[in-house]
Structure formats: structure tokens, C-alpha cells
Amino acid sequence: MREPPPRPRPRRVVAIPSTLFLPDPPRVKAIKVGWLARAFVVFRVEEVIIYIDREFRKGAAFLRDMLAYAETPQYLRKRLIPLKPTLKHAGLLPPLRAPHHPTLGEESFVSPYREGVVLKARGRRVWVDVGLDKEVVAEGEARVGERVTVRMGSPPVLVPRESVPYYWGYTISIVESLRDAVRKAEADYAIATSRLGVDIRSVLPQLRDALASTEKVLLAFGTHDRGLYDIAKHEGFELEDEFDAVVNFVPEQGAYTVRTEEAVWAVLAVLNALL
């Protein structure tokens, strides 16, 4: 057992389109979303923004619900996540084994923090299910049914999720467009990924220098049949006007196309090495 990894610096934000797995059958979509969630946790992504592409809102809801299900600790899912059609194949999602997903009886990260859901509240005291044999009584204020973060101790205390010093999973939001995703991220440095971008090998020193003074970085991805240049053109703007860099992270690719779920792993791995 070991201590969880620290929160990443810069903070990592990923933007993905609602049409990401549009042509795939439901079971394949579920498996691909699972590998996306694994990539986000492995490389400590803290924020996922789903932007609507071609008005396909149903795809955004599917991605949000599946990614949220994967990110929620197993012991809280029945209390926090209602049954819905988008989660029909949620059983195919792989376990994330993230720091906020402690597993009793197995090797896991050890942390004084736990995620929980409020069962009862009275004044400055709340009764919280944190996945142990019985609920804990913690100091703090929260609504019944609310997901909370608890710092275990004598006594346990509710704390803001952002105050946890470790990597603590990702949040999810939906916006209306790629341009809105850039606005939502409020990143100091925004990178668009594209095979038409500059070769990563030619800008490594500049990219490393830029990221060294960055508090939050955005990485945006296109979809199976349209790259970010096409999506930006459809929305009526130039990609370079909204992003600080447009980069090809997989130069000299052996396959004709690199699928987005593959590109996410490749790009985040390169970013991890740079930082």
C-alpha cells in the first residue's frame, strides 16, 4: 500500500466531442469509454469537458453518465446514481483503482480522506456513508443525499474536494461547442491535437517552457470523422485564434487514422513526460 500521487501541476483539462463514439454499437461504446476513464485517471486529468458536436446531445449525455459512473466510488453508486438507459452497459467499465476508490482487503492507496454520501444531517453534524462497516458522524454542513469528502480523524470533518492534496478523480461538464469548451476551461495554455498540427518533436523545448509556468492546461480532441480544424470551421472560427498551439503528438503514424481513444493515451503520456 502506498500514498496517493499528488494533485498534478499544471491542472489537466481534456475536451472531447459528443460525437466521439457515434458509429459504434452500445457495448463497444461502453468499453471505449472505460478506457478513456482509465486514461484520465492514470494521467491525473482533473476536469473533463464534453462539447456538443453537430447538435448530438444524446452522445454528450451518454459520455457524461458513463464517465460519472466510472469516477464514482463503487460503494456510493447505488446511493448516488439512478438507473437510466445510458448506463445499460456500465458493467463493462473497468475498475479505475483511483485514490478515492479504496478497496477493502486488496492492495490500494492509503489516504486519510474518503468520499461519502450524507445520510442524515443535524446542525453541524452529518452522518455519512463512506464505505465502511457503519456510517461516520462528521463535523460540517451538507444536504442529505449530497456527495461529500471526509477527512477521517477524531472527529471526521467534511472538507472541500479541492483541498485534498492528492489526485482525487475528475469532474465532468457539458458545453455547447468547442469554443465554449475553451472558455469553460479557463486554461492558461490551450493545446489542440491534430495530425495537421506542428510535429511534437519540433516544438518540445517551447512546449516544455510554456507548460513550466502554466497553472492549467487544456487538451482538446476531435472525433472519428472530423478533426479540430473541421469542427472549428463548422463553428465559424480559426483554430489558431482559440488555441495557443496545434500539435501533432503522433507523427509518422503507421495507421491511416489514430482513433481519439488512442490519441488520448498518446497525448497524455507525452504531456506526462514533459511535466
C-alpha atoms as a PDB file:
ATOM      1  CA  MET A   1       0.000   0.000   0.000  1.00  0.00           C
ATOM      2  CA  ARG A   2       1.239   3.479  -0.806  1.00  0.00           C
ATOM      3  CA  GLU A   3       0.265   7.133  -0.537  1.00  0.00           C
ATOM      4  CA  PRO A   4      -1.768   8.521  -3.457  1.00  0.00           C
ATOM      5  CA  PRO A   5       0.002  10.689  -6.062  1.00  0.00           C
ATOM      6  CA  PRO A   6      -0.186  14.467  -5.557  1.00  0.00           C
ATOM      7  CA  ARG A   7      -2.537  16.711  -7.478  1.00  0.00           C
ATOM      8  CA  PRO A   8      -0.929  17.430 -10.854  1.00  0.00           C
ATOM      9  CA  ARG A   9       0.586  20.765 -11.776  1.00  0.00           C
ATOM     10  CA  PRO A  10      -0.430  22.151 -14.115  1.00  0.00           C
ATOM     11  CA  ARG A  11      -4.049  21.095 -13.667  1.00  0.00           C
ATOM     12  CA  ARG A  12      -5.064  18.939 -16.643  1.00  0.00           C
ATOM     13  CA  VAL A  13      -8.303  19.511 -18.538  1.00  0.00           C
ATOM     14  CA  VAL A  14      -9.488  17.419 -21.501  1.00  0.00           C
ATOM     15  CA  ALA A  15     -12.173  18.431 -24.017  1.00  0.00           C
ATOM     16  CA  ILE A  16     -13.892  15.700 -26.067  1.00  0.00           C
ATOM     17  CA  PRO A  17     -16.803  15.877 -28.563  1.00  0.00           C
ATOM     18  CA  SER A  18     -20.293  14.450 -28.035  1.00  0.00           C
ATOM     19  CA  THR A  19     -19.945  12.501 -31.306  1.00  0.00           C
ATOM     20  CA  LEU A  20     -16.874  10.668 -30.083  1.00  0.00           C
ATOM     21  CA  PHE A  21     -18.201   7.091 -30.462  1.00  0.00           C
ATOM     22  CA  LEU A  22     -21.180   7.845 -32.705  1.00  0.00           C
ATOM     23  CA  PRO A  23     -20.831   4.905 -35.156  1.00  0.00           C
ATOM     24  CA  ASP A  24     -20.039   2.232 -32.560  1.00  0.00           C
ATOM     25  CA  PRO A  25     -22.551  -0.296 -31.162  1.00  0.00           C
ATOM     26  CA  PRO A  26     -23.537   0.222 -27.488  1.00  0.00           C
ATOM     27  CA  ARG A  27     -21.289  -2.435 -25.954  1.00  0.00           C
ATOM     28  CA  VAL A  28     -18.254  -1.166 -27.879  1.00  0.00           C
ATOM     29  CA  LYS A  29     -19.038   2.397 -26.788  1.00  0.00           C
ATOM     30  CA  ALA A  30     -19.072   1.292 -23.159  1.00  0.00           C
ATOM     31  CA  ILE A  31     -15.700  -0.438 -23.470  1.00  0.00           C
ATOM     32  CA  LYS A  32     -14.152   2.597 -25.169  1.00  0.00           C
ATOM     33  CA  VAL A  33     -15.499   4.967 -22.522  1.00  0.00           C
ATOM     34  CA  GLY A  34     -13.942   2.688 -19.902  1.00  0.00           C
ATOM     35  CA  TRP A  35     -10.529   3.052 -21.477  1.00  0.00           C
ATOM     36  CA  LEU A  36     -10.973   6.804 -21.673  1.00  0.00           C
ATOM     37  CA  ALA A  37     -11.778   6.897 -17.962  1.00  0.00           C
ATOM     38  CA  ARG A  38      -8.702   4.782 -17.248  1.00  0.00           C
ATOM     39  CA  ALA A  39      -6.526   7.199 -19.239  1.00  0.00           C
ATOM     40  CA  PHE A  40      -7.951  10.185 -17.359  1.00  0.00           C
ATOM     41  CA  VAL A  41      -7.113   8.599 -14.002  1.00  0.00           C
ATOM     42  CA  VAL A  42      -3.732   7.127 -14.986  1.00  0.00           C
ATOM     43  CA  PHE A  43      -2.543  10.558 -16.151  1.00  0.00           C
ATOM     44  CA  ARG A  44      -4.385  12.527 -13.410  1.00  0.00           C
ATOM     45  CA  VAL A  45      -6.834  14.505 -15.511  1.00  0.00           C
ATOM     46  CA  GLU A  46      -8.944  16.610 -13.136  1.00  0.00           C
ATOM     47  CA  GLU A  47     -11.576  18.029 -15.466  1.00  0.00           C
ATOM     48  CA  VAL A  48     -13.380  16.580 -18.490  1.00  0.00           C
ATOM     49  CA  ILE A  49     -15.406  18.895 -20.739  1.00  0.00           C
ATOM     50  CA  ILE A  50     -17.783  17.357 -23.287  1.00  0.00           C
ATOM     51  CA  TYR A  51     -18.629  19.761 -26.097  1.00  0.00           C
ATOM     52  CA  ILE A  52     -21.692  19.346 -28.325  1.00  0.00           C
ATOM     53  CA  ASP A  53     -20.736  18.466 -31.887  1.00  0.00           C
ATOM     54  CA  ARG A  54     -23.359  18.563 -34.664  1.00  0.00           C
ATOM     55  CA  GLU A  55     -26.123  19.025 -32.075  1.00  0.00           C
ATOM     56  CA  PHE A  56     -25.692  15.426 -30.893  1.00  0.00           C
ATOM     57  CA  ARG A  57     -26.813  15.928 -27.294  1.00  0.00           C
ATOM     58  CA  LYS A  58     -27.638  12.289 -26.697  1.00  0.00           C
ATOM     59  CA  GLY A  59     -23.943  11.442 -27.130  1.00  0.00           C
ATOM     60  CA  ALA A  60     -22.979  14.073 -24.557  1.00  0.00           C
ATOM     61  CA  ALA A  61     -25.420  12.618 -22.014  1.00  0.00           C
ATOM     62  CA  PHE A  62     -24.080   9.108 -22.636  1.00  0.00           C
ATOM     63  CA  LEU A  63     -20.452  10.157 -22.164  1.00  0.00           C
ATOM     64  CA  ARG A  64     -21.275  12.198 -19.053  1.00  0.00           C
ATOM     65  CA  ASP A  65     -23.271   9.419 -17.390  1.00  0.00           C
ATOM     66  CA  MET A  66     -20.763   6.673 -18.146  1.00  0.00           C
ATOM     67  CA  LEU A  67     -17.728   8.735 -17.128  1.00  0.00           C
ATOM     68  CA  ALA A  68     -19.503   9.812 -13.934  1.00  0.00           C
ATOM     69  CA  TYR A  69     -20.395   6.212 -13.118  1.00  0.00           C
ATOM     70  CA  ALA A  70     -16.779   5.145 -13.580  1.00  0.00           C
ATOM     71  CA  GLU A  71     -15.478   8.024 -11.439  1.00  0.00           C
ATOM     72  CA  THR A  72     -17.896   7.407  -8.540  1.00  0.00           C
ATOM     73  CA  PRO A  73     -16.536   5.039  -5.839  1.00  0.00           C
ATOM     74  CA  GLN A  74     -18.203   1.644  -6.119  1.00  0.00           C
ATOM     75  CA  TYR A  75     -19.715   1.780  -2.635  1.00  0.00           C
ATOM     76  CA  LEU A  76     -21.557   5.026  -3.461  1.00  0.00           C
ATOM     77  CA  ARG A  77     -23.028   4.177  -6.854  1.00  0.00           C
ATOM     78  CA  LYS A  78     -26.321   2.700  -5.645  1.00  0.00           C
ATOM     79  CA  ARG A  79     -26.983   5.745  -3.483  1.00  0.00           C
ATOM     80  CA  LEU A  80     -25.892   8.419  -5.946  1.00  0.00           C
ATOM     81  CA  ILE A  81     -26.584   7.131  -9.459  1.00  0.00           C
ATOM     82  CA  PRO A  82     -30.141   6.250 -10.535  1.00  0.00           C
ATOM     83  CA  LEU A  83     -30.833   3.600 -13.146  1.00  0.00           C
ATOM     84  CA  LYS A  84     -31.054   5.084 -16.639  1.00  0.00           C
ATOM     85  CA  PRO A  85     -30.791   3.814 -20.243  1.00  0.00           C
ATOM     86  CA  THR A  86     -27.362   5.415 -20.767  1.00  0.00           C
ATOM     87  CA  LEU A  87     -25.929   3.093 -18.108  1.00  0.00           C
ATOM     88  CA  LYS A  88     -27.236  -0.156 -19.590  1.00  0.00           C
ATOM     89  CA  HIS A  89     -23.697  -1.404 -20.276  1.00  0.00           C
ATOM     90  CA  ALA A  90     -21.960   0.246 -17.303  1.00  0.00           C
ATOM     91  CA  GLY A  91     -20.982  -3.220 -16.091  1.00  0.00           C
ATOM     92  CA  LEU A  92     -18.384  -3.315 -18.886  1.00  0.00           C
ATOM     93  CA  LEU A  93     -16.460  -0.390 -17.412  1.00  0.00           C
ATOM     94  CA  PRO A  94     -13.137  -1.447 -15.877  1.00  0.00           C
ATOM     95  CA  PRO A  95     -12.353  -0.544 -12.257  1.00  0.00           C
ATOM     96  CA  LEU A  96     -10.364   2.675 -12.036  1.00  0.00           C
ATOM     97  CA  ARG A  97      -8.471   1.789  -8.831  1.00  0.00           C
ATOM     98  CA  ALA A  98      -8.166   5.535  -8.247  1.00  0.00           C
ATOM     99  CA  PRO A  99      -7.040   7.055  -4.916  1.00  0.00           C
ATOM    100  CA  HIS A 100     -10.651   7.827  -3.954  1.00  0.00           C
ATOM    101  CA  HIS A 101     -11.730   4.245  -4.758  1.00  0.00           C
ATOM    102  CA  PRO A 102     -10.412   2.353  -1.718  1.00  0.00           C
ATOM    103  CA  THR A 103     -10.859  -1.410  -1.899  1.00  0.00           C
ATOM    104  CA  LEU A 104     -11.167  -3.325   1.348  1.00  0.00           C
ATOM    105  CA  GLY A 105      -9.000  -6.423   1.588  1.00  0.00           C
ATOM    106  CA  GLU A 106      -6.947  -5.596  -1.513  1.00  0.00           C
ATOM    107  CA  GLU A 107      -3.877  -3.558  -2.297  1.00  0.00           C
ATOM    108  CA  SER A 108      -4.940   0.064  -2.540  1.00  0.00           C
ATOM    109  CA  PHE A 109      -3.818   3.626  -1.990  1.00  0.00           C
ATOM    110  CA  VAL A 110      -3.951   4.670   1.665  1.00  0.00           C
ATOM    111  CA  SER A 111      -5.333   8.121   2.413  1.00  0.00           C
ATOM    112  CA  PRO A 112      -6.951   9.879   5.385  1.00  0.00           C
ATOM    113  CA  TYR A 113      -9.690  11.092   3.010  1.00  0.00           C
ATOM    114  CA  ARG A 114     -12.785   9.235   1.812  1.00  0.00           C
ATOM    115  CA  GLU A 115     -15.717  10.076  -0.431  1.00  0.00           C
ATOM    116  CA  GLY A 116     -19.148   9.639   1.081  1.00  0.00           C
ATOM    117  CA  VAL A 117     -22.840  10.436   0.840  1.00  0.00           C
ATOM    118  CA  VAL A 118     -24.805  12.212   3.578  1.00  0.00           C
ATOM    119  CA  LEU A 119     -27.491  10.025   5.179  1.00  0.00           C
ATOM    120  CA  LYS A 120     -28.659  12.409   7.910  1.00  0.00           C
ATOM    121  CA  ALA A 121     -27.875  15.988   8.895  1.00  0.00           C
ATOM    122  CA  ARG A 122     -28.453  17.830  12.143  1.00  0.00           C
ATOM    123  CA  GLY A 123     -26.907  21.242  12.665  1.00  0.00           C
ATOM    124  CA  ARG A 124     -23.140  20.992  12.286  1.00  0.00           C
ATOM    125  CA  ARG A 125     -23.176  17.192  12.386  1.00  0.00           C
ATOM    126  CA  VAL A 126     -23.742  14.825   9.458  1.00  0.00           C
ATOM    127  CA  TRP A 127     -23.983  11.048   9.257  1.00  0.00           C
ATOM    128  CA  VAL A 128     -22.045   9.864   6.212  1.00  0.00           C
ATOM    129  CA  ASP A 129     -21.719   6.548   4.375  1.00  0.00           C
ATOM    130  CA  VAL A 130     -18.004   6.342   3.488  1.00  0.00           C
ATOM    131  CA  GLY A 131     -17.976   2.679   2.548  1.00  0.00           C
ATOM    132  CA  LEU A 132     -17.051   1.292   5.970  1.00  0.00           C
ATOM    133  CA  ASP A 133     -18.953  -1.132   8.210  1.00  0.00           C
ATOM    134  CA  LYS A 134     -21.014   1.724   9.639  1.00  0.00           C
ATOM    135  CA  GLU A 135     -21.544   5.374   8.855  1.00  0.00           C
ATOM    136  CA  VAL A 136     -19.326   8.016  10.400  1.00  0.00           C
ATOM    137  CA  VAL A 137     -20.507  11.139  12.193  1.00  0.00           C
ATOM    138  CA  ALA A 138     -18.609  14.114  10.802  1.00  0.00           C
ATOM    139  CA  GLU A 139     -18.426  17.818  11.564  1.00  0.00           C
ATOM    140  CA  GLY A 140     -19.712  20.075   8.824  1.00  0.00           C
ATOM    141  CA  GLU A 141     -22.804  21.114   6.928  1.00  0.00           C
ATOM    142  CA  ALA A 142     -24.273  19.335   3.904  1.00  0.00           C
ATOM    143  CA  ARG A 143     -27.609  18.217   2.496  1.00  0.00           C
ATOM    144  CA  VAL A 144     -28.965  14.680   2.782  1.00  0.00           C
ATOM    145  CA  GLY A 145     -28.011  12.781  -0.377  1.00  0.00           C
ATOM    146  CA  GLU A 146     -25.070  15.045  -1.171  1.00  0.00           C
ATOM    147  CA  ARG A 147     -21.700  13.583  -2.119  1.00  0.00           C
ATOM    148  CA  VAL A 148     -19.020  14.877   0.239  1.00  0.00           C
ATOM    149  CA  THR A 149     -15.335  14.451   1.007  1.00  0.00           C
ATOM    150  CA  VAL A 150     -14.449  13.438   4.561  1.00  0.00           C
ATOM    151  CA  ARG A 151     -11.088  13.800   6.276  1.00  0.00           C
ATOM    152  CA  MET A 152     -11.061  10.885   8.676  1.00  0.00           C
ATOM    153  CA  GLY A 153      -9.862  11.576  12.182  1.00  0.00           C
ATOM    154  CA  SER A 154     -11.119  12.356  15.676  1.00  0.00           C
ATOM    155  CA  PRO A 155     -13.580  13.654  14.749  1.00  0.00           C
ATOM    156  CA  PRO A 156     -14.090  13.192  10.984  1.00  0.00           C
ATOM    157  CA  VAL A 157     -14.557  16.514   9.169  1.00  0.00           C
ATOM    158  CA  LEU A 158     -16.148  17.493   5.867  1.00  0.00           C
ATOM    159  CA  VAL A 159     -13.642  19.260   3.616  1.00  0.00           C
ATOM    160  CA  PRO A 160     -13.826  20.784   0.119  1.00  0.00           C
ATOM    161  CA  ARG A 161     -12.829  18.240  -2.506  1.00  0.00           C
ATOM    162  CA  GLU A 162     -10.316  20.756  -3.873  1.00  0.00           C
ATOM    163  CA  SER A 163      -8.460  20.797  -0.548  1.00  0.00           C
ATOM    164  CA  VAL A 164      -7.400  17.149  -0.818  1.00  0.00           C
ATOM    165  CA  PRO A 165      -3.645  17.225  -1.529  1.00  0.00           C
ATOM    166  CA  TYR A 166      -3.793  14.072  -3.648  1.00  0.00           C
ATOM    167  CA  TYR A 167      -5.141  13.361  -7.108  1.00  0.00           C
ATOM    168  CA  TRP A 168      -8.839  12.845  -6.412  1.00  0.00           C
ATOM    169  CA  GLY A 169     -10.546  11.976  -9.705  1.00  0.00           C
ATOM    170  CA  TYR A 170     -12.148  14.152 -12.362  1.00  0.00           C
ATOM    171  CA  THR A 171     -15.225  16.341 -12.734  1.00  0.00           C
ATOM    172  CA  ILE A 172     -17.430  16.388 -15.849  1.00  0.00           C
ATOM    173  CA  SER A 173     -19.338  19.161 -17.585  1.00  0.00           C
ATOM    174  CA  ILE A 174     -21.145  19.671 -20.898  1.00  0.00           C
ATOM    175  CA  VAL A 175     -20.902  22.824 -23.045  1.00  0.00           C
ATOM    176  CA  GLU A 176     -22.493  23.857 -26.316  1.00  0.00           C
ATOM    177  CA  SER A 177     -19.421  23.992 -28.583  1.00  0.00           C
ATOM    178  CA  LEU A 178     -15.671  23.579 -28.927  1.00  0.00           C
ATOM    179  CA  ARG A 179     -15.258  27.328 -28.494  1.00  0.00           C
ATOM    180  CA  ASP A 180     -17.322  27.145 -25.283  1.00  0.00           C
ATOM    181  CA  ALA A 181     -15.045  24.344 -24.051  1.00  0.00           C
ATOM    182  CA  VAL A 182     -12.068  26.695 -24.341  1.00  0.00           C
ATOM    183  CA  ARG A 183     -13.977  29.346 -22.413  1.00  0.00           C
ATOM    184  CA  LYS A 184     -15.125  26.874 -19.769  1.00  0.00           C
ATOM    185  CA  ALA A 185     -11.626  25.505 -19.182  1.00  0.00           C
ATOM    186  CA  GLU A 186     -10.146  28.944 -18.401  1.00  0.00           C
ATOM    187  CA  ALA A 187      -6.759  27.382 -19.077  1.00  0.00           C
ATOM    188  CA  ASP A 188      -3.502  29.320 -19.126  1.00  0.00           C
ATOM    189  CA  TYR A 189      -2.407  27.247 -22.106  1.00  0.00           C
ATOM    190  CA  ALA A 190      -4.719  25.525 -24.605  1.00  0.00           C
ATOM    191  CA  ILE A 191      -3.491  22.806 -26.962  1.00  0.00           C
ATOM    192  CA  ALA A 192      -5.458  21.449 -29.923  1.00  0.00           C
ATOM    193  CA  THR A 193      -4.412  17.973 -31.035  1.00  0.00           C
ATOM    194  CA  SER A 194      -4.358  17.335 -34.790  1.00  0.00           C
ATOM    195  CA  ARG A 195      -2.405  15.339 -37.348  1.00  0.00           C
ATOM    196  CA  LEU A 196      -2.292  18.626 -39.286  1.00  0.00           C
ATOM    197  CA  GLY A 197      -0.574  20.402 -36.399  1.00  0.00           C
ATOM    198  CA  VAL A 198       3.128  21.013 -35.912  1.00  0.00           C
ATOM    199  CA  ASP A 199       5.275  17.952 -35.245  1.00  0.00           C
ATOM    200  CA  ILE A 200       5.672  17.491 -31.486  1.00  0.00           C
ATOM    201  CA  ARG A 201       9.393  16.844 -31.990  1.00  0.00           C
ATOM    202  CA  SER A 202       9.915  20.316 -33.439  1.00  0.00           C
ATOM    203  CA  VAL A 203       8.292  22.166 -30.523  1.00  0.00           C
ATOM    204  CA  LEU A 204       9.296  20.116 -27.495  1.00  0.00           C
ATOM    205  CA  PRO A 205      11.546  22.800 -25.910  1.00  0.00           C
ATOM    206  CA  GLN A 206       8.984  25.574 -26.454  1.00  0.00           C
ATOM    207  CA  LEU A 207       6.158  23.415 -25.150  1.00  0.00           C
ATOM    208  CA  ARG A 208       8.130  22.409 -22.067  1.00  0.00           C
ATOM    209  CA  ASP A 209       8.954  26.053 -21.315  1.00  0.00           C
ATOM    210  CA  ALA A 210       5.348  27.144 -21.788  1.00  0.00           C
ATOM    211  CA  LEU A 211       3.982  24.428 -19.513  1.00  0.00           C
ATOM    212  CA  ALA A 212       6.554  25.143 -16.791  1.00  0.00           C
ATOM    213  CA  SER A 213       4.748  28.379 -15.880  1.00  0.00           C
ATOM    214  CA  THR A 214       1.212  27.116 -16.527  1.00  0.00           C
ATOM    215  CA  GLU A 215      -1.364  26.511 -13.781  1.00  0.00           C
ATOM    216  CA  LYS A 216      -3.943  24.831 -16.024  1.00  0.00           C
ATOM    217  CA  VAL A 217      -3.560  23.223 -19.455  1.00  0.00           C
ATOM    218  CA  LEU A 218      -6.362  22.278 -21.855  1.00  0.00           C
ATOM    219  CA  LEU A 219      -6.039  19.420 -24.333  1.00  0.00           C
ATOM    220  CA  ALA A 220      -8.781  19.283 -26.968  1.00  0.00           C
ATOM    221  CA  PHE A 221      -9.577  16.317 -29.202  1.00  0.00           C
ATOM    222  CA  GLY A 222     -11.634  15.828 -32.355  1.00  0.00           C
ATOM    223  CA  THR A 223     -13.823  12.903 -33.319  1.00  0.00           C
ATOM    224  CA  HIS A 224     -13.777   9.820 -35.540  1.00  0.00           C
ATOM    225  CA  ASP A 225     -14.584  11.594 -38.808  1.00  0.00           C
ATOM    226  CA  ARG A 226     -13.724  15.248 -38.147  1.00  0.00           C
ATOM    227  CA  GLY A 227     -10.599  16.796 -36.766  1.00  0.00           C
ATOM    228  CA  LEU A 228     -10.495  20.006 -34.765  1.00  0.00           C
ATOM    229  CA  TYR A 229      -9.808  22.104 -37.864  1.00  0.00           C
ATOM    230  CA  ASP A 230     -13.070  20.841 -39.380  1.00  0.00           C
ATOM    231  CA  ILE A 231     -15.010  21.360 -36.155  1.00  0.00           C
ATOM    232  CA  ALA A 232     -13.640  24.899 -35.742  1.00  0.00           C
ATOM    233  CA  LYS A 233     -14.506  25.728 -39.364  1.00  0.00           C
ATOM    234  CA  HIS A 234     -18.048  24.448 -38.836  1.00  0.00           C
ATOM    235  CA  GLU A 235     -18.356  26.680 -35.759  1.00  0.00           C
ATOM    236  CA  GLY A 236     -17.008  29.660 -37.708  1.00  0.00           C
ATOM    237  CA  PHE A 237     -13.582  30.333 -36.192  1.00  0.00           C
ATOM    238  CA  GLU A 238      -9.902  29.682 -36.853  1.00  0.00           C
ATOM    239  CA  LEU A 239      -8.370  27.040 -34.606  1.00  0.00           C
ATOM    240  CA  GLU A 240      -5.199  29.080 -34.031  1.00  0.00           C
ATOM    241  CA  ASP A 241      -7.277  32.019 -32.779  1.00  0.00           C
ATOM    242  CA  GLU A 242      -8.572  30.000 -29.796  1.00  0.00           C
ATOM    243  CA  PHE A 243      -5.620  27.715 -29.038  1.00  0.00           C
ATOM    244  CA  ASP A 244      -2.046  28.534 -28.102  1.00  0.00           C
ATOM    245  CA  ALA A 245      -0.717  25.563 -30.062  1.00  0.00           C
ATOM    246  CA  VAL A 246      -1.956  22.973 -32.570  1.00  0.00           C
ATOM    247  CA  VAL A 247       0.221  19.891 -32.224  1.00  0.00           C
ATOM    248  CA  ASN A 248       0.579  16.503 -33.883  1.00  0.00           C
ATOM    249  CA  PHE A 249       1.519  14.243 -30.967  1.00  0.00           C
ATOM    250  CA  VAL A 250       1.760  11.082 -33.112  1.00  0.00           C
ATOM    251  CA  PRO A 251       3.997  11.976 -36.071  1.00  0.00           C
ATOM    252  CA  GLU A 252       4.691   9.403 -38.778  1.00  0.00           C
ATOM    253  CA  GLN A 253       1.731   7.297 -37.670  1.00  0.00           C
ATOM    254  CA  GLY A 254       1.656   3.798 -39.121  1.00  0.00           C
ATOM    255  CA  ALA A 255      -2.139   3.681 -39.269  1.00  0.00           C
ATOM    256  CA  TYR A 256      -4.052   5.949 -41.635  1.00  0.00           C
ATOM    257  CA  THR A 257      -6.019   7.338 -38.701  1.00  0.00           C
ATOM    258  CA  VAL A 258      -5.415   7.471 -34.950  1.00  0.00           C
ATOM    259  CA  ARG A 259      -8.669   6.998 -33.076  1.00  0.00           C
ATOM    260  CA  THR A 260      -9.459   9.545 -30.399  1.00  0.00           C
ATOM    261  CA  GLU A 261      -9.396   6.970 -27.604  1.00  0.00           C
ATOM    262  CA  GLU A 262      -5.872   6.046 -28.789  1.00  0.00           C
ATOM    263  CA  ALA A 263      -4.799   9.671 -29.171  1.00  0.00           C
ATOM    264  CA  VAL A 264      -5.881  10.467 -25.602  1.00  0.00           C
ATOM    265  CA  TRP A 265      -3.431   7.895 -24.220  1.00  0.00           C
ATOM    266  CA  ALA A 266      -0.627   9.028 -26.527  1.00  0.00           C
ATOM    267  CA  VAL A 267      -1.075  12.746 -25.857  1.00  0.00           C
ATOM    268  CA  LEU A 268      -1.432  12.413 -22.090  1.00  0.00           C
ATOM    269  CA  ALA A 269       1.645  10.169 -21.952  1.00  0.00           C
ATOM    270  CA  VAL A 270       3.732  12.760 -23.813  1.00  0.00           C
ATOM    271  CA  LEU A 271       2.393  15.546 -21.592  1.00  0.00           C
ATOM    272  CA  ASN A 272       3.212  13.492 -18.511  1.00  0.00           C
ATOM    273  CA  ALA A 273       6.791  13.066 -19.703  1.00  0.00           C
ATOM    274  CA  LEU A 274       7.120  16.795 -20.458  1.00  0.00           C
ATOM    275  CA  LEU A 275       5.988  17.713 -16.967  1.00  0.00           C
END
